Amino acid sequence: MPKDKKTIKNTSSQQLIVPFCLHMRVSCELNVEIFIISIVQNTTSPFEPGFVCICKEKSTEISSSASTAITTLYQEIFGKRTEYSGPAIMRFYNDQIIERLLQDVTFFPIYIKVQSFLVVVSNIGYSKNNGCRGAENGFTSSILTKFQKKHSFVSQRIENNTCILRIYHESNIVA
C-alpha cells in the first residue's frame, strides 16, 4: 500500500478536512444492523454541527460528535461497551469518499488559533481600497471563543462597502 494513502491505522496525527453538510446522512452496518448518522443543527452550540444516530426505530439526542452518537446508540441496542470512531464509521478516511465530498468545494475556511480565540476566515476577496487594507465586499471572518463559559461568536463582513460587526453569545445577538 502506498505511504500517502489514508488508513484508519495511520490517521492519529492527520487532520481531516471534510465539509459537514447540514442534513447529510451516512449509513453503515454494525453487528448486522443498519445505523444512520445524520448531521443536524446543534441546539446547544449553534455554530457547530450536531450528530444524531438512528437504528431499529431508536434515536440518540443531538450529540456534538459522530463518535458519541454512534457509540451511545450501539451500546444502548447491544448492551456492549464497544466504542466507535465517527469519522471512521462515516468513511472519512476513504480517499474516494473525501474526493467526492470535496469535488465542488472551491474554498476551505482558514482556522487560526490565537490564545483562547479561534479566528475563522470564511471568505476572501481583494480590494484596492486602502481603508479596507485590501478587503472587499464579500470578505467574511469570525472569531469563536467562550465568554462566561458559553460559546461566543464574533462575525465581521463587508457588504456594500460597509463593515458589519455582529456579536453572538450562545445563539443570541448581543451587538
N, C-alpha and C. Protein backbone atom coordinates (compact mmCIF):
# COMPACT_ATOMS: atom_id res chain seq x y z
N MET A 1 0.86 -1.19 0.00
CA MET A 1 0.00 0.00 0.00
C MET A 1 0.89 1.24 0.00
N PRO A 2 0.61 2.23 -0.87
CA PRO A 2 1.42 3.45 -0.90
C PRO A 2 1.37 4.20 0.43
N LYS A 3 2.47 4.87 0.77
CA LYS A 3 2.55 5.58 2.04
C LYS A 3 1.58 6.75 2.15
N ASP A 4 1.18 7.35 1.02
CA ASP A 4 0.32 8.53 1.09
C ASP A 4 -1.16 8.19 1.28
N LYS A 5 -1.53 6.94 1.22
CA LYS A 5 -2.93 6.55 1.41
C LYS A 5 -3.32 6.72 2.87
N LYS A 6 -4.54 7.19 3.09
CA LYS A 6 -5.04 7.37 4.46
C LYS A 6 -5.71 6.08 4.90
N THR A 7 -5.31 5.57 6.02
CA THR A 7 -5.97 4.40 6.59
C THR A 7 -6.31 4.72 8.03
N ILE A 8 -7.18 3.91 8.59
CA ILE A 8 -7.57 4.13 9.98
C ILE A 8 -6.36 3.99 10.90
N LYS A 9 -5.41 3.13 10.55
CA LYS A 9 -4.25 2.90 11.41
C LYS A 9 -3.30 4.10 11.46
N ASN A 10 -3.18 4.86 10.35
CA ASN A 10 -2.18 5.93 10.35
C ASN A 10 -2.78 7.32 10.44
N THR A 11 -3.99 7.45 10.95
CA THR A 11 -4.66 8.74 10.95
C THR A 11 -4.56 9.50 12.26
N SER A 12 -3.88 8.96 13.25
CA SER A 12 -3.88 9.62 14.56
C SER A 12 -3.33 11.05 14.51
N SER A 13 -2.39 11.32 13.61
CA SER A 13 -1.84 12.67 13.54
C SER A 13 -2.37 13.46 12.35
N GLN A 14 -3.24 12.86 11.54
CA GLN A 14 -3.77 13.57 10.38
C GLN A 14 -4.96 14.42 10.76
N GLN A 15 -5.07 15.55 10.11
CA GLN A 15 -6.22 16.41 10.30
C GLN A 15 -7.13 16.23 9.10
N LEU A 16 -8.35 15.81 9.33
CA LEU A 16 -9.29 15.60 8.24
C LEU A 16 -9.95 16.91 7.85
N ILE A 17 -9.99 17.19 6.56
CA ILE A 17 -10.71 18.36 6.07
C ILE A 17 -11.91 17.83 5.32
N VAL A 18 -13.04 17.79 6.01
CA VAL A 18 -14.26 17.24 5.43
C VAL A 18 -15.39 18.24 5.65
N PRO A 19 -16.06 18.64 4.58
CA PRO A 19 -17.16 19.58 4.77
C PRO A 19 -18.40 18.86 5.30
N PHE A 20 -18.82 19.20 6.51
CA PHE A 20 -20.07 18.67 7.02
C PHE A 20 -21.20 19.47 6.40
N CYS A 21 -22.15 18.80 5.82
CA CYS A 21 -23.30 19.48 5.22
C CYS A 21 -24.53 19.16 6.06
N LEU A 22 -25.28 20.20 6.41
CA LEU A 22 -26.50 20.01 7.18
C LEU A 22 -27.40 19.02 6.45
N HIS A 23 -27.95 18.07 7.16
CA HIS A 23 -28.84 17.01 6.67
C HIS A 23 -28.11 15.91 5.91
N MET A 24 -26.78 15.94 5.89
CA MET A 24 -26.01 14.86 5.28
C MET A 24 -26.25 13.60 6.10
N ARG A 25 -26.38 12.45 5.41
CA ARG A 25 -26.60 11.18 6.10
C ARG A 25 -25.61 10.14 5.60
N VAL A 26 -25.17 9.29 6.52
CA VAL A 26 -24.28 8.20 6.18
C VAL A 26 -24.82 6.96 6.88
N SER A 27 -24.87 5.85 6.15
CA SER A 27 -25.33 4.61 6.78
C SER A 27 -24.17 3.62 6.84
N CYS A 28 -24.23 2.75 7.84
CA CYS A 28 -23.22 1.69 7.97
C CYS A 28 -23.88 0.49 8.64
N GLU A 29 -23.28 -0.65 8.45
CA GLU A 29 -23.80 -1.87 9.08
C GLU A 29 -22.85 -2.28 10.20
N LEU A 30 -23.41 -2.41 11.40
CA LEU A 30 -22.65 -2.86 12.56
C LEU A 30 -23.42 -3.98 13.24
N ASN A 31 -22.78 -5.11 13.42
CA ASN A 31 -23.42 -6.23 14.10
C ASN A 31 -24.76 -6.58 13.44
N VAL A 32 -24.79 -6.60 12.13
CA VAL A 32 -25.93 -6.95 11.27
C VAL A 32 -27.10 -5.96 11.37
N GLU A 33 -26.87 -4.79 11.89
CA GLU A 33 -27.91 -3.75 11.96
C GLU A 33 -27.44 -2.52 11.19
N ILE A 34 -28.39 -1.82 10.57
CA ILE A 34 -28.07 -0.60 9.82
C ILE A 34 -28.19 0.61 10.75
N PHE A 35 -27.12 1.37 10.85
CA PHE A 35 -27.08 2.60 11.64
C PHE A 35 -26.98 3.77 10.66
N ILE A 36 -27.74 4.82 10.91
CA ILE A 36 -27.70 6.01 10.06
C ILE A 36 -27.29 7.20 10.93
N ILE A 37 -26.22 7.87 10.52
CA ILE A 37 -25.77 9.08 11.22
C ILE A 37 -26.18 10.27 10.37
N SER A 38 -26.88 11.22 10.98
CA SER A 38 -27.31 12.44 10.28
C SER A 38 -26.64 13.65 10.90
N ILE A 39 -26.29 14.61 10.05
CA ILE A 39 -25.75 15.88 10.54
C ILE A 39 -26.91 16.86 10.63
N VAL A 40 -27.11 17.40 11.83
CA VAL A 40 -28.26 18.27 12.11
C VAL A 40 -27.78 19.57 12.75
N GLN A 41 -28.70 20.50 12.93
CA GLN A 41 -28.38 21.76 13.63
C GLN A 41 -28.15 21.44 15.10
N ASN A 42 -27.03 21.86 15.64
CA ASN A 42 -26.71 21.64 17.04
C ASN A 42 -27.43 22.71 17.86
N THR A 43 -28.30 22.30 18.75
CA THR A 43 -29.10 23.26 19.51
C THR A 43 -28.34 23.89 20.67
N THR A 44 -27.32 23.20 21.20
CA THR A 44 -26.56 23.77 22.32
C THR A 44 -25.38 24.61 21.85
N SER A 45 -24.84 24.32 20.69
CA SER A 45 -23.74 25.10 20.08
C SER A 45 -24.12 25.36 18.63
N PRO A 46 -24.90 26.40 18.38
CA PRO A 46 -25.45 26.60 17.04
C PRO A 46 -24.42 26.84 15.95
N PHE A 47 -23.17 27.09 16.29
CA PHE A 47 -22.15 27.32 15.27
C PHE A 47 -21.34 26.07 14.98
N GLU A 48 -21.74 24.94 15.55
CA GLU A 48 -21.06 23.67 15.32
C GLU A 48 -22.08 22.65 14.86
N PRO A 49 -21.65 21.62 14.12
CA PRO A 49 -22.61 20.60 13.67
C PRO A 49 -23.08 19.73 14.83
N GLY A 50 -24.26 19.17 14.67
CA GLY A 50 -24.78 18.20 15.62
C GLY A 50 -24.93 16.86 14.90
N PHE A 51 -24.93 15.77 15.66
CA PHE A 51 -25.00 14.44 15.06
C PHE A 51 -26.08 13.63 15.77
N VAL A 52 -26.89 12.94 14.98
CA VAL A 52 -27.93 12.07 15.50
C VAL A 52 -27.73 10.71 14.85
N CYS A 53 -27.89 9.65 15.62
CA CYS A 53 -27.77 8.29 15.09
C CYS A 53 -29.12 7.59 15.25
N ILE A 54 -29.52 6.86 14.21
CA ILE A 54 -30.81 6.15 14.20
C ILE A 54 -30.56 4.69 13.84
N CYS A 55 -31.23 3.78 14.55
CA CYS A 55 -31.18 2.35 14.24
C CYS A 55 -32.37 1.67 14.92
N LYS A 56 -33.02 0.78 14.21
CA LYS A 56 -34.12 -0.01 14.77
C LYS A 56 -35.16 0.86 15.47
N GLU A 57 -35.58 1.92 14.84
CA GLU A 57 -36.59 2.85 15.37
C GLU A 57 -36.16 3.53 16.67
N LYS A 58 -34.87 3.48 16.98
CA LYS A 58 -34.33 4.20 18.13
C LYS A 58 -33.45 5.32 17.61
N SER A 59 -33.33 6.37 18.42
CA SER A 59 -32.55 7.53 18.00
C SER A 59 -31.85 8.14 19.21
N THR A 60 -30.71 8.75 18.95
CA THR A 60 -30.00 9.45 20.02
C THR A 60 -30.48 10.89 20.08
N GLU A 61 -30.15 11.56 21.17
CA GLU A 61 -30.29 13.01 21.25
C GLU A 61 -29.20 13.60 20.35
N ILE A 62 -29.24 14.89 20.13
CA ILE A 62 -28.20 15.54 19.33
C ILE A 62 -26.89 15.50 20.12
N SER A 63 -25.85 14.99 19.47
CA SER A 63 -24.51 14.89 20.08
C SER A 63 -23.57 15.87 19.40
N SER A 64 -22.49 16.21 20.09
CA SER A 64 -21.52 17.13 19.50
C SER A 64 -20.51 16.40 18.61
N SER A 65 -20.54 15.07 18.60
CA SER A 65 -19.64 14.32 17.73
C SER A 65 -20.34 13.09 17.18
N ALA A 66 -19.91 12.67 16.00
CA ALA A 66 -20.45 11.46 15.39
C ALA A 66 -20.07 10.24 16.23
N SER A 67 -18.88 10.27 16.82
CA SER A 67 -18.42 9.16 17.66
C SER A 67 -19.35 8.94 18.84
N THR A 68 -19.73 10.02 19.52
CA THR A 68 -20.64 9.92 20.66
C THR A 68 -22.00 9.39 20.22
N ALA A 69 -22.52 9.89 19.11
CA ALA A 69 -23.84 9.47 18.63
C ALA A 69 -23.87 7.97 18.31
N ILE A 70 -22.92 7.48 17.52
CA ILE A 70 -22.93 6.07 17.12
C ILE A 70 -22.65 5.16 18.31
N THR A 71 -21.69 5.54 19.16
CA THR A 71 -21.34 4.72 20.32
C THR A 71 -22.50 4.63 21.30
N THR A 72 -23.16 5.74 21.58
CA THR A 72 -24.29 5.76 22.52
C THR A 72 -25.39 4.81 22.07
N LEU A 73 -25.78 4.90 20.80
CA LEU A 73 -26.87 4.06 20.31
C LEU A 73 -26.46 2.59 20.22
N TYR A 74 -25.24 2.32 19.78
CA TYR A 74 -24.76 0.94 19.71
C TYR A 74 -24.78 0.30 21.09
N GLN A 75 -24.29 1.02 22.09
CA GLN A 75 -24.27 0.47 23.45
C GLN A 75 -25.67 0.26 23.99
N GLU A 76 -26.60 1.16 23.66
CA GLU A 76 -27.99 1.01 24.11
C GLU A 76 -28.65 -0.21 23.47
N ILE A 77 -28.43 -0.42 22.20
CA ILE A 77 -29.08 -1.53 21.49
C ILE A 77 -28.47 -2.87 21.87
N PHE A 78 -27.15 -2.96 21.91
CA PHE A 78 -26.49 -4.25 22.12
C PHE A 78 -26.00 -4.48 23.54
N GLY A 79 -26.05 -3.46 24.39
CA GLY A 79 -25.61 -3.63 25.77
C GLY A 79 -24.13 -3.94 25.90
N LYS A 80 -23.34 -3.54 24.91
CA LYS A 80 -21.90 -3.78 24.94
C LYS A 80 -21.18 -2.45 25.13
N ARG A 81 -19.94 -2.49 25.56
CA ARG A 81 -19.17 -1.27 25.80
C ARG A 81 -18.31 -0.87 24.59
N THR A 82 -18.62 -1.41 23.45
CA THR A 82 -17.86 -1.11 22.23
C THR A 82 -17.97 0.37 21.90
N GLU A 83 -16.85 0.96 21.49
CA GLU A 83 -16.83 2.37 21.08
C GLU A 83 -16.41 2.46 19.62
N TYR A 84 -16.97 3.43 18.92
CA TYR A 84 -16.68 3.61 17.50
C TYR A 84 -16.18 5.02 17.22
N SER A 85 -15.34 5.12 16.21
CA SER A 85 -14.86 6.42 15.72
C SER A 85 -15.85 6.91 14.67
N GLY A 86 -16.47 8.06 14.94
CA GLY A 86 -17.43 8.63 13.99
C GLY A 86 -16.84 8.84 12.61
N PRO A 87 -15.65 9.50 12.49
CA PRO A 87 -15.06 9.70 11.17
C PRO A 87 -14.79 8.38 10.43
N ALA A 88 -14.38 7.34 11.16
CA ALA A 88 -14.14 6.04 10.51
C ALA A 88 -15.45 5.43 10.04
N ILE A 89 -16.49 5.49 10.89
CA ILE A 89 -17.80 4.95 10.52
C ILE A 89 -18.37 5.72 9.33
N MET A 90 -18.16 7.03 9.30
CA MET A 90 -18.68 7.85 8.20
C MET A 90 -17.77 7.77 6.96
N ARG A 91 -16.73 6.94 7.05
CA ARG A 91 -15.79 6.68 5.95
C ARG A 91 -14.99 7.91 5.55
N PHE A 92 -14.69 8.77 6.49
CA PHE A 92 -13.93 9.97 6.18
C PHE A 92 -12.43 9.69 6.05
N TYR A 93 -12.01 8.43 6.17
CA TYR A 93 -10.63 8.07 5.90
C TYR A 93 -10.50 7.41 4.53
N ASN A 94 -11.60 7.33 3.81
CA ASN A 94 -11.61 6.74 2.47
C ASN A 94 -11.37 7.86 1.45
N ASP A 95 -10.24 7.79 0.76
CA ASP A 95 -9.87 8.85 -0.18
C ASP A 95 -10.92 9.11 -1.25
N GLN A 96 -11.56 8.06 -1.74
CA GLN A 96 -12.57 8.24 -2.80
C GLN A 96 -13.78 9.02 -2.28
N ILE A 97 -14.20 8.74 -1.07
CA ILE A 97 -15.33 9.46 -0.48
C ILE A 97 -14.94 10.92 -0.23
N ILE A 98 -13.75 11.14 0.31
CA ILE A 98 -13.29 12.51 0.56
C ILE A 98 -13.22 13.30 -0.74
N GLU A 99 -12.66 12.70 -1.78
CA GLU A 99 -12.57 13.38 -3.08
C GLU A 99 -13.96 13.76 -3.59
N ARG A 100 -14.91 12.87 -3.43
CA ARG A 100 -16.28 13.15 -3.90
C ARG A 100 -16.91 14.29 -3.09
N LEU A 101 -16.73 14.28 -1.77
CA LEU A 101 -17.28 15.33 -0.93
C LEU A 101 -16.65 16.69 -1.22
N LEU A 102 -15.38 16.69 -1.59
CA LEU A 102 -14.66 17.94 -1.83
C LEU A 102 -14.69 18.39 -3.29
N GLN A 103 -15.36 17.63 -4.13
CA GLN A 103 -15.35 17.86 -5.57
C GLN A 103 -15.69 19.29 -5.97
N ASP A 104 -16.72 19.89 -5.43
CA ASP A 104 -17.13 21.23 -5.83
C ASP A 104 -16.77 22.30 -4.80
N VAL A 105 -15.93 21.96 -3.85
CA VAL A 105 -15.53 22.93 -2.83
C VAL A 105 -14.39 23.77 -3.39
N THR A 106 -14.61 25.08 -3.48
CA THR A 106 -13.60 25.96 -4.07
C THR A 106 -12.78 26.72 -3.03
N PHE A 107 -13.24 26.73 -1.78
CA PHE A 107 -12.53 27.46 -0.73
C PHE A 107 -12.67 26.72 0.58
N PHE A 108 -11.58 26.58 1.30
CA PHE A 108 -11.61 25.99 2.63
C PHE A 108 -11.43 27.10 3.65
N PRO A 109 -12.24 27.13 4.70
CA PRO A 109 -12.05 28.14 5.74
C PRO A 109 -10.64 28.03 6.33
N ILE A 110 -10.13 29.16 6.75
CA ILE A 110 -8.80 29.21 7.37
C ILE A 110 -9.02 29.37 8.87
N TYR A 111 -8.46 28.46 9.66
CA TYR A 111 -8.61 28.49 11.11
C TYR A 111 -7.28 28.92 11.73
N ILE A 112 -7.33 29.95 12.56
CA ILE A 112 -6.12 30.46 13.21
C ILE A 112 -6.40 30.53 14.72
N LYS A 113 -5.62 29.79 15.50
CA LYS A 113 -5.77 29.79 16.95
C LYS A 113 -4.86 30.86 17.54
N VAL A 114 -5.45 31.82 18.26
CA VAL A 114 -4.70 32.88 18.94
C VAL A 114 -5.13 32.86 20.40
N GLN A 115 -4.27 32.34 21.27
CA GLN A 115 -4.57 32.14 22.68
C GLN A 115 -5.87 31.37 22.82
N SER A 116 -6.91 31.93 23.44
CA SER A 116 -8.16 31.19 23.62
C SER A 116 -9.16 31.45 22.50
N PHE A 117 -8.73 32.17 21.46
CA PHE A 117 -9.63 32.52 20.37
C PHE A 117 -9.36 31.65 19.14
N LEU A 118 -10.42 31.31 18.45
CA LEU A 118 -10.31 30.63 17.17
C LEU A 118 -10.82 31.60 16.12
N VAL A 119 -9.92 32.08 15.26
CA VAL A 119 -10.29 33.00 14.20
C VAL A 119 -10.57 32.17 12.95
N VAL A 120 -11.72 32.40 12.33
CA VAL A 120 -12.10 31.65 11.14
C VAL A 120 -12.28 32.64 9.99
N VAL A 121 -11.49 32.48 8.94
CA VAL A 121 -11.67 33.28 7.73
C VAL A 121 -12.46 32.42 6.77
N SER A 122 -13.69 32.85 6.47
CA SER A 122 -14.59 32.00 5.68
C SER A 122 -14.83 32.50 4.27
N ASN A 123 -14.26 33.66 3.92
CA ASN A 123 -14.41 34.18 2.57
C ASN A 123 -13.29 35.19 2.35
N ILE A 124 -12.67 35.17 1.19
CA ILE A 124 -11.57 36.09 0.92
C ILE A 124 -11.83 36.84 -0.38
N GLY A 125 -11.55 38.13 -0.36
CA GLY A 125 -11.63 38.95 -1.57
C GLY A 125 -10.51 39.98 -1.49
N TYR A 126 -10.30 40.72 -2.56
CA TYR A 126 -9.26 41.74 -2.55
C TYR A 126 -9.80 43.04 -3.12
N SER A 127 -9.41 44.14 -2.51
CA SER A 127 -9.84 45.46 -2.95
C SER A 127 -8.64 46.39 -2.98
N LYS A 128 -8.70 47.38 -3.85
CA LYS A 128 -7.64 48.39 -3.91
C LYS A 128 -7.92 49.53 -2.94
N ASN A 129 -9.02 49.47 -2.21
CA ASN A 129 -9.39 50.50 -1.24
C ASN A 129 -8.44 50.41 -0.04
N ASN A 130 -7.57 51.39 0.13
CA ASN A 130 -6.59 51.37 1.22
C ASN A 130 -7.24 51.35 2.60
N GLY A 131 -8.42 51.95 2.73
CA GLY A 131 -9.10 52.00 4.03
C GLY A 131 -9.51 50.63 4.52
N CYS A 132 -9.68 49.68 3.61
CA CYS A 132 -10.09 48.32 4.00
C CYS A 132 -8.91 47.36 4.04
N ARG A 133 -7.70 47.88 3.84
CA ARG A 133 -6.48 47.07 3.86
C ARG A 133 -6.58 45.86 2.93
N GLY A 134 -7.16 46.07 1.75
CA GLY A 134 -7.23 45.02 0.75
C GLY A 134 -8.52 44.22 0.74
N ALA A 135 -9.33 44.32 1.78
CA ALA A 135 -10.57 43.55 1.83
C ALA A 135 -11.63 44.21 0.96
N GLU A 136 -12.56 43.42 0.44
CA GLU A 136 -13.62 43.96 -0.41
C GLU A 136 -14.97 43.37 -0.01
N ASN A 137 -16.02 43.82 -0.69
CA ASN A 137 -17.36 43.27 -0.45
C ASN A 137 -17.30 41.75 -0.51
N GLY A 138 -17.94 41.10 0.42
CA GLY A 138 -17.94 39.65 0.48
C GLY A 138 -16.94 39.09 1.47
N PHE A 139 -15.95 39.89 1.89
CA PHE A 139 -14.99 39.42 2.88
C PHE A 139 -15.74 39.07 4.15
N THR A 140 -15.44 37.92 4.73
CA THR A 140 -16.08 37.48 5.97
C THR A 140 -15.05 36.82 6.86
N SER A 141 -15.05 37.16 8.13
CA SER A 141 -14.23 36.44 9.10
C SER A 141 -15.01 36.38 10.40
N SER A 142 -14.60 35.47 11.26
CA SER A 142 -15.30 35.33 12.54
C SER A 142 -14.32 34.84 13.59
N ILE A 143 -14.69 35.05 14.83
CA ILE A 143 -13.90 34.58 15.96
C ILE A 143 -14.83 33.76 16.85
N LEU A 144 -14.39 32.55 17.15
CA LEU A 144 -15.13 31.68 18.06
C LEU A 144 -14.38 31.63 19.38
N THR A 145 -15.09 31.80 20.47
CA THR A 145 -14.45 31.75 21.79
C THR A 145 -15.50 31.41 22.83
N LYS A 146 -15.09 31.33 24.07
CA LYS A 146 -16.04 31.15 25.17
C LYS A 146 -15.96 32.38 26.06
N PHE A 147 -17.13 32.88 26.47
CA PHE A 147 -17.23 34.01 27.38
C PHE A 147 -18.21 33.59 28.45
N GLN A 148 -17.81 33.68 29.70
CA GLN A 148 -18.63 33.22 30.83
C GLN A 148 -19.04 31.76 30.63
N LYS A 149 -18.10 30.94 30.14
CA LYS A 149 -18.27 29.51 29.92
C LYS A 149 -19.34 29.17 28.88
N LYS A 150 -19.69 30.12 28.03
CA LYS A 150 -20.66 29.88 26.95
C LYS A 150 -20.03 30.28 25.63
N HIS A 151 -20.45 29.59 24.57
CA HIS A 151 -19.92 29.89 23.24
C HIS A 151 -20.28 31.30 22.81
N SER A 152 -19.28 32.00 22.30
CA SER A 152 -19.49 33.33 21.73
C SER A 152 -18.92 33.35 20.33
N PHE A 153 -19.50 34.18 19.49
CA PHE A 153 -19.17 34.21 18.08
C PHE A 153 -19.19 35.66 17.62
N VAL A 154 -18.08 36.13 17.08
CA VAL A 154 -17.99 37.48 16.55
C VAL A 154 -17.84 37.36 15.04
N SER A 155 -18.75 37.97 14.31
CA SER A 155 -18.73 37.90 12.85
C SER A 155 -18.50 39.30 12.29
N GLN A 156 -17.59 39.39 11.34
CA GLN A 156 -17.39 40.67 10.65
C GLN A 156 -17.39 40.39 9.16
N ARG A 157 -18.06 41.26 8.43
CA ARG A 157 -18.10 41.10 6.98
C ARG A 157 -18.23 42.47 6.32
N ILE A 158 -17.89 42.53 5.06
CA ILE A 158 -18.02 43.78 4.31
C ILE A 158 -19.12 43.58 3.29
N GLU A 159 -20.12 44.46 3.36
CA GLU A 159 -21.27 44.44 2.47
C GLU A 159 -21.54 45.86 2.01
N ASN A 160 -21.71 46.07 0.72
CA ASN A 160 -21.96 47.41 0.17
C ASN A 160 -20.95 48.43 0.70
N ASN A 161 -19.68 48.04 0.71
CA ASN A 161 -18.58 48.89 1.19
C ASN A 161 -18.73 49.33 2.64
N THR A 162 -19.48 48.58 3.43
CA THR A 162 -19.68 48.87 4.84
C THR A 162 -19.26 47.65 5.66
N CYS A 163 -18.52 47.88 6.73
CA CYS A 163 -18.11 46.79 7.60
C CYS A 163 -19.23 46.52 8.60
N ILE A 164 -19.67 45.27 8.68
CA ILE A 164 -20.76 44.88 9.58
C ILE A 164 -20.18 43.95 10.64
N LEU A 165 -20.39 44.29 11.89
CA LEU A 165 -19.90 43.51 13.00
C LEU A 165 -21.09 42.99 13.80
N ARG A 166 -21.13 41.68 14.04
CA ARG A 166 -22.20 41.09 14.85
C ARG A 166 -21.54 40.24 15.94
N ILE A 167 -22.09 40.34 17.15
CA ILE A 167 -21.59 39.55 18.26
C ILE A 167 -22.74 38.70 18.80
N TYR A 168 -22.48 37.40 18.89
CA TYR A 168 -23.47 36.45 19.38
C TYR A 168 -22.95 35.83 20.67
N HIS A 169 -23.81 35.67 21.65
CA HIS A 169 -23.50 34.96 22.88
C HIS A 169 -24.50 33.82 22.94
N GLU A 170 -23.98 32.57 22.86
CA GLU A 170 -24.82 31.41 22.57
C GLU A 170 -25.46 31.70 21.22
N SER A 171 -26.75 31.68 21.06
CA SER A 171 -27.33 31.96 19.75
C SER A 171 -28.02 33.32 19.70
N ASN A 172 -27.82 34.15 20.73
CA ASN A 172 -28.46 35.47 20.78
C ASN A 172 -27.52 36.56 20.29
N ILE A 173 -28.04 37.45 19.44
CA ILE A 173 -27.26 38.60 19.00
C ILE A 173 -27.21 39.61 20.15
N VAL A 174 -25.99 39.98 20.56
CA VAL A 174 -25.85 40.95 21.65
C VAL A 174 -25.31 42.29 21.15
N ALA A 175 -24.78 42.34 19.96
CA ALA A 175 -24.31 43.62 19.39
C ALA A 175 -24.19 43.50 17.88
